[in-house]
Amino acid sequence: MYKVFINDRPIILTDSLFMESDFELLNYKSTSIPEIIHKLKKGRLDGVALFCVDLQECWDNFKDHFKVISAAGGLVLNEKKEFLFIFRGNKWDLPKGRIEKGESIEETAVREVEEECGISQLKLHDFLLTTYHVFFHNKEARLKETHWYQMEATIDEVLTPQLEEGITIAAFKNTEESKKALEDTYANIHLVFETYYQK
């Protein structure tokens, strides 16, 4: 199954006819992807599930509708088991950024967290998942795939948000504070936390 968000509204690609979903299940082959994207962008649909006979073939075809942007980031915990959040664009988020040429996904994940939060000496742990969302640049729909890793902050240091990237706060939050932050975040960030707690 693949889940792609447009303005936090999902397109779910599945090869199961029995998937539990709040959304209508349509046949991928008879669906106009540009039309679905337009309806989700405009809020005319809350979400949609698309049935695929061959899930990988559908996914490859779906991606052909976009320029794909690859990024990586981290779910960082400190020694107090607090989570590292950033605040950008009036939303709480997790640090992440685009993969640069010649860089591995793991290198990107660590570098972006360090740059966006002014943190150092991170310890990279398990890969968590890849999330997907569609954004629009000059009216062109782009698909962003973000690879997430669990990380550990090994030293206690003062955090410095990367202001030039629009980040106004970088902060570790305890369990209760994290729950509060998750009330004002993106759907994909919920998937990152869900995956972490399932491990």
Protein backbone atom coordinates (compact mmCIF):
# COMPACT_ATOMS: atom_id res chain seq x y z
CA MET A 1 0.00 0.00 0.00
CA TYR A 2 1.12 3.56 -0.76
CA LYS A 3 -0.37 6.64 0.88
CA VAL A 4 0.18 10.06 -0.70
CA PHE A 5 -1.14 13.25 0.89
CA ILE A 6 -2.34 16.40 -0.86
CA ASN A 7 -3.14 19.10 1.72
CA ASP A 8 -3.32 16.26 4.27
CA ARG A 9 -5.97 14.45 2.20
CA PRO A 10 -4.86 10.95 1.13
CA ILE A 11 -4.64 9.07 -2.11
CA ILE A 12 -4.29 5.41 -1.10
CA LEU A 13 -3.00 2.93 -3.66
CA THR A 14 -3.80 -0.64 -2.65
CA ASP A 15 -3.96 -4.14 -4.13
CA SER A 16 -6.56 -5.25 -1.56
CA LEU A 17 -10.30 -5.14 -2.26
CA PHE A 18 -10.92 -5.57 1.48
CA MET A 19 -8.90 -2.65 2.82
CA GLU A 20 -10.72 -0.80 5.59
CA SER A 21 -11.06 2.81 4.53
CA ASP A 22 -13.35 5.78 4.98
CA PHE A 23 -13.00 6.54 1.28
CA GLU A 24 -14.59 5.25 -1.89
CA LEU A 25 -12.57 2.50 -3.58
CA LEU A 26 -12.06 3.21 -7.29
CA ASN A 27 -10.26 1.24 -9.98
CA TYR A 28 -6.88 2.82 -10.70
CA LYS A 29 -7.04 1.96 -14.42
CA SER A 30 -10.28 3.90 -14.92
CA THR A 31 -9.29 6.91 -12.78
CA SER A 32 -7.87 10.21 -14.02
CA ILE A 33 -4.98 11.00 -11.66
CA PRO A 34 -4.82 14.71 -12.69
CA GLU A 35 -8.56 15.00 -11.94
CA ILE A 36 -8.15 13.36 -8.51
CA ILE A 37 -5.22 15.66 -7.71
CA HIS A 38 -7.26 18.71 -8.70
CA LYS A 39 -10.25 17.66 -6.56
CA LEU A 40 -8.07 16.97 -3.51
CA LYS A 41 -6.19 20.24 -3.94
CA LYS A 42 -9.48 22.17 -4.08
CA GLY A 43 -10.95 20.26 -1.13
CA ARG A 44 -13.69 18.66 -3.23
CA LEU A 45 -12.61 15.22 -2.00
CA ASP A 46 -11.56 14.23 1.54
CA GLY A 47 -9.55 11.32 0.17
CA VAL A 48 -9.69 8.41 -2.24
CA ALA A 49 -8.60 4.76 -2.37
CA LEU A 50 -7.46 3.32 -5.70
CA PHE A 51 -7.45 -0.41 -6.36
CA CYS A 52 -4.47 -1.76 -8.31
CA VAL A 53 -4.21 -5.25 -9.79
CA ASP A 54 -0.41 -4.74 -9.91
CA LEU A 55 0.52 -2.34 -7.13
CA GLN A 56 4.08 -1.69 -8.31
CA GLU A 57 2.95 -0.99 -11.87
CA CYS A 58 0.32 1.47 -10.57
CA TRP A 59 2.86 3.17 -8.32
CA ASP A 60 5.34 3.58 -11.18
CA ASN A 61 2.59 5.01 -13.36
CA PHE A 62 1.39 7.33 -10.57
CA LYS A 63 4.91 8.74 -10.07
CA ASP A 64 5.15 9.49 -13.79
CA HIS A 65 2.62 12.30 -13.22
CA PHE A 66 5.14 14.26 -11.14
CA LYS A 67 8.64 15.52 -10.82
CA VAL A 68 9.84 13.50 -7.81
CA ILE A 69 11.80 15.31 -5.08
CA SER A 70 13.74 13.10 -2.65
CA ALA A 71 14.39 14.18 0.93
CA ALA A 72 15.42 12.70 4.26
CA GLY A 73 14.97 13.56 7.91
CA GLY A 74 14.89 12.29 11.44
CA LEU A 75 12.83 11.49 14.49
CA VAL A 76 15.36 12.46 17.17
CA LEU A 77 15.21 11.47 20.83
CA ASN A 78 17.48 12.73 23.60
CA GLU A 79 18.54 10.95 26.79
CA LYS A 80 15.27 12.07 28.45
CA LYS A 81 13.28 10.38 25.64
CA GLU A 82 12.07 13.77 24.42
CA PHE A 83 11.36 14.31 20.72
CA LEU A 84 12.96 17.02 18.58
CA PHE A 85 10.46 19.27 16.79
CA ILE A 86 10.78 22.33 14.58
CA PHE A 87 8.18 25.07 14.05
CA ARG A 88 7.85 26.37 10.51
CA GLY A 89 4.97 27.86 8.54
CA ASN A 90 2.67 27.86 11.58
CA LYS A 91 3.00 24.09 11.96
CA TRP A 92 5.06 21.76 14.12
CA ASP A 93 7.20 19.50 11.97
CA LEU A 94 10.24 17.22 12.06
CA PRO A 95 13.57 18.29 10.56
CA LYS A 96 14.17 17.12 6.99
CA GLY A 97 15.52 18.35 3.66
CA ARG A 98 16.45 17.52 0.10
CA ILE A 99 19.10 15.01 -0.86
CA GLU A 100 22.10 16.68 -2.47
CA LYS A 101 24.07 15.23 -5.38
CA GLY A 102 26.60 12.62 -4.28
CA GLU A 103 25.03 12.28 -0.84
CA SER A 104 23.56 9.10 0.62
CA ILE A 105 20.07 9.15 2.11
CA GLU A 106 21.52 8.54 5.58
CA GLU A 107 24.01 11.40 5.18
CA THR A 108 21.22 13.74 4.11
CA ALA A 109 19.03 12.79 7.07
CA VAL A 110 21.77 13.57 9.60
CA ARG A 111 22.98 16.73 7.83
CA GLU A 112 19.50 18.22 7.52
CA VAL A 113 18.66 17.62 11.18
CA GLU A 114 21.98 19.16 12.21
CA GLU A 115 21.53 22.19 9.95
CA GLU A 116 17.89 22.88 10.75
CA CYS A 117 18.27 22.55 14.52
CA GLY A 118 21.89 23.53 15.21
CA ILE A 119 22.58 20.14 16.74
CA SER A 120 25.65 17.90 16.48
CA GLN A 121 26.96 14.42 17.27
CA LEU A 122 23.76 12.63 16.29
CA LYS A 123 23.70 8.85 16.36
CA LEU A 124 21.80 7.30 13.44
CA HIS A 125 19.55 4.36 14.27
CA ASP A 126 16.87 2.46 12.34
CA PHE A 127 15.16 3.45 9.12
CA LEU A 128 11.49 4.10 9.94
CA LEU A 129 9.54 4.64 6.69
CA THR A 130 9.17 6.73 3.54
CA THR A 131 6.32 9.25 3.40
CA TYR A 132 4.85 10.95 0.35
CA HIS A 133 3.07 14.24 -0.25
CA VAL A 134 2.23 16.38 -3.25
CA PHE A 135 3.07 20.08 -3.32
CA PHE A 136 2.80 22.67 -6.03
CA HIS A 137 5.62 24.79 -7.46
CA ASN A 138 4.70 27.34 -10.13
CA LYS A 139 1.38 25.46 -10.48
CA GLU A 140 3.28 22.24 -11.24
CA ALA A 141 2.45 19.26 -9.02
CA ARG A 142 5.53 17.65 -7.46
CA LEU A 143 5.79 14.48 -5.40
CA LYS A 144 8.05 14.66 -2.36
CA GLU A 145 9.30 11.38 -0.94
CA THR A 146 10.89 11.71 2.48
CA HIS A 147 12.96 8.92 4.05
CA TRP A 148 12.78 8.97 7.85
CA TYR A 149 15.30 7.62 10.36
CA GLN A 150 15.28 7.30 14.11
CA MET A 151 18.20 9.21 15.65
CA GLU A 152 19.68 9.83 19.07
CA ALA A 153 21.00 13.12 20.42
CA THR A 154 24.09 12.08 22.38
CA ILE A 155 24.92 15.42 24.02
CA ASP A 156 22.87 18.20 25.60
CA GLU A 157 23.34 21.44 23.69
CA VAL A 158 21.53 24.69 22.96
CA LEU A 159 19.46 24.34 19.78
CA THR A 160 19.60 26.99 17.03
CA PRO A 161 16.71 27.02 14.52
CA GLN A 162 17.73 27.64 10.89
CA LEU A 163 15.97 30.97 10.40
CA GLU A 164 16.87 31.23 6.70
CA GLU A 165 14.78 28.09 6.15
CA GLY A 166 11.80 29.67 7.92
CA ILE A 167 12.29 27.67 11.11
CA THR A 168 11.52 29.81 14.15
CA ILE A 169 11.74 27.17 16.91
CA ALA A 170 13.77 23.99 17.42
CA ALA A 171 12.94 22.25 20.68
CA PHE A 172 12.84 18.92 22.46
CA LYS A 173 9.39 18.04 23.78
CA ASN A 174 8.32 15.52 26.40
CA THR A 175 5.46 13.08 25.79
CA GLU A 176 2.68 15.50 26.75
CA GLU A 177 4.23 18.40 24.82
CA SER A 178 4.70 16.12 21.81
CA LYS A 179 1.02 15.11 21.88
CA LYS A 180 0.11 18.79 21.87
CA ALA A 181 2.46 19.50 18.93
CA LEU A 182 0.94 16.58 17.00
CA GLU A 183 -2.43 18.31 17.16
CA ASP A 184 -0.95 20.97 14.86
CA THR A 185 1.18 19.10 12.36
CA TYR A 186 0.99 17.23 9.04
CA ALA A 187 -0.58 13.83 8.38
CA ASN A 188 2.79 12.36 7.36
CA ILE A 189 4.32 13.30 10.73
CA HIS A 190 1.63 11.20 12.41
CA LEU A 191 2.74 8.27 10.22
CA VAL A 192 6.35 8.72 11.40
CA PHE A 193 5.30 8.55 15.05
CA GLU A 194 2.95 5.62 14.42
CA THR A 195 5.79 3.69 12.79
CA TYR A 196 8.15 4.52 15.68
CA TYR A 197 5.68 3.27 18.29
CA GLN A 198 4.96 0.10 16.32
CA LYS A 199 8.65 -0.90 16.34
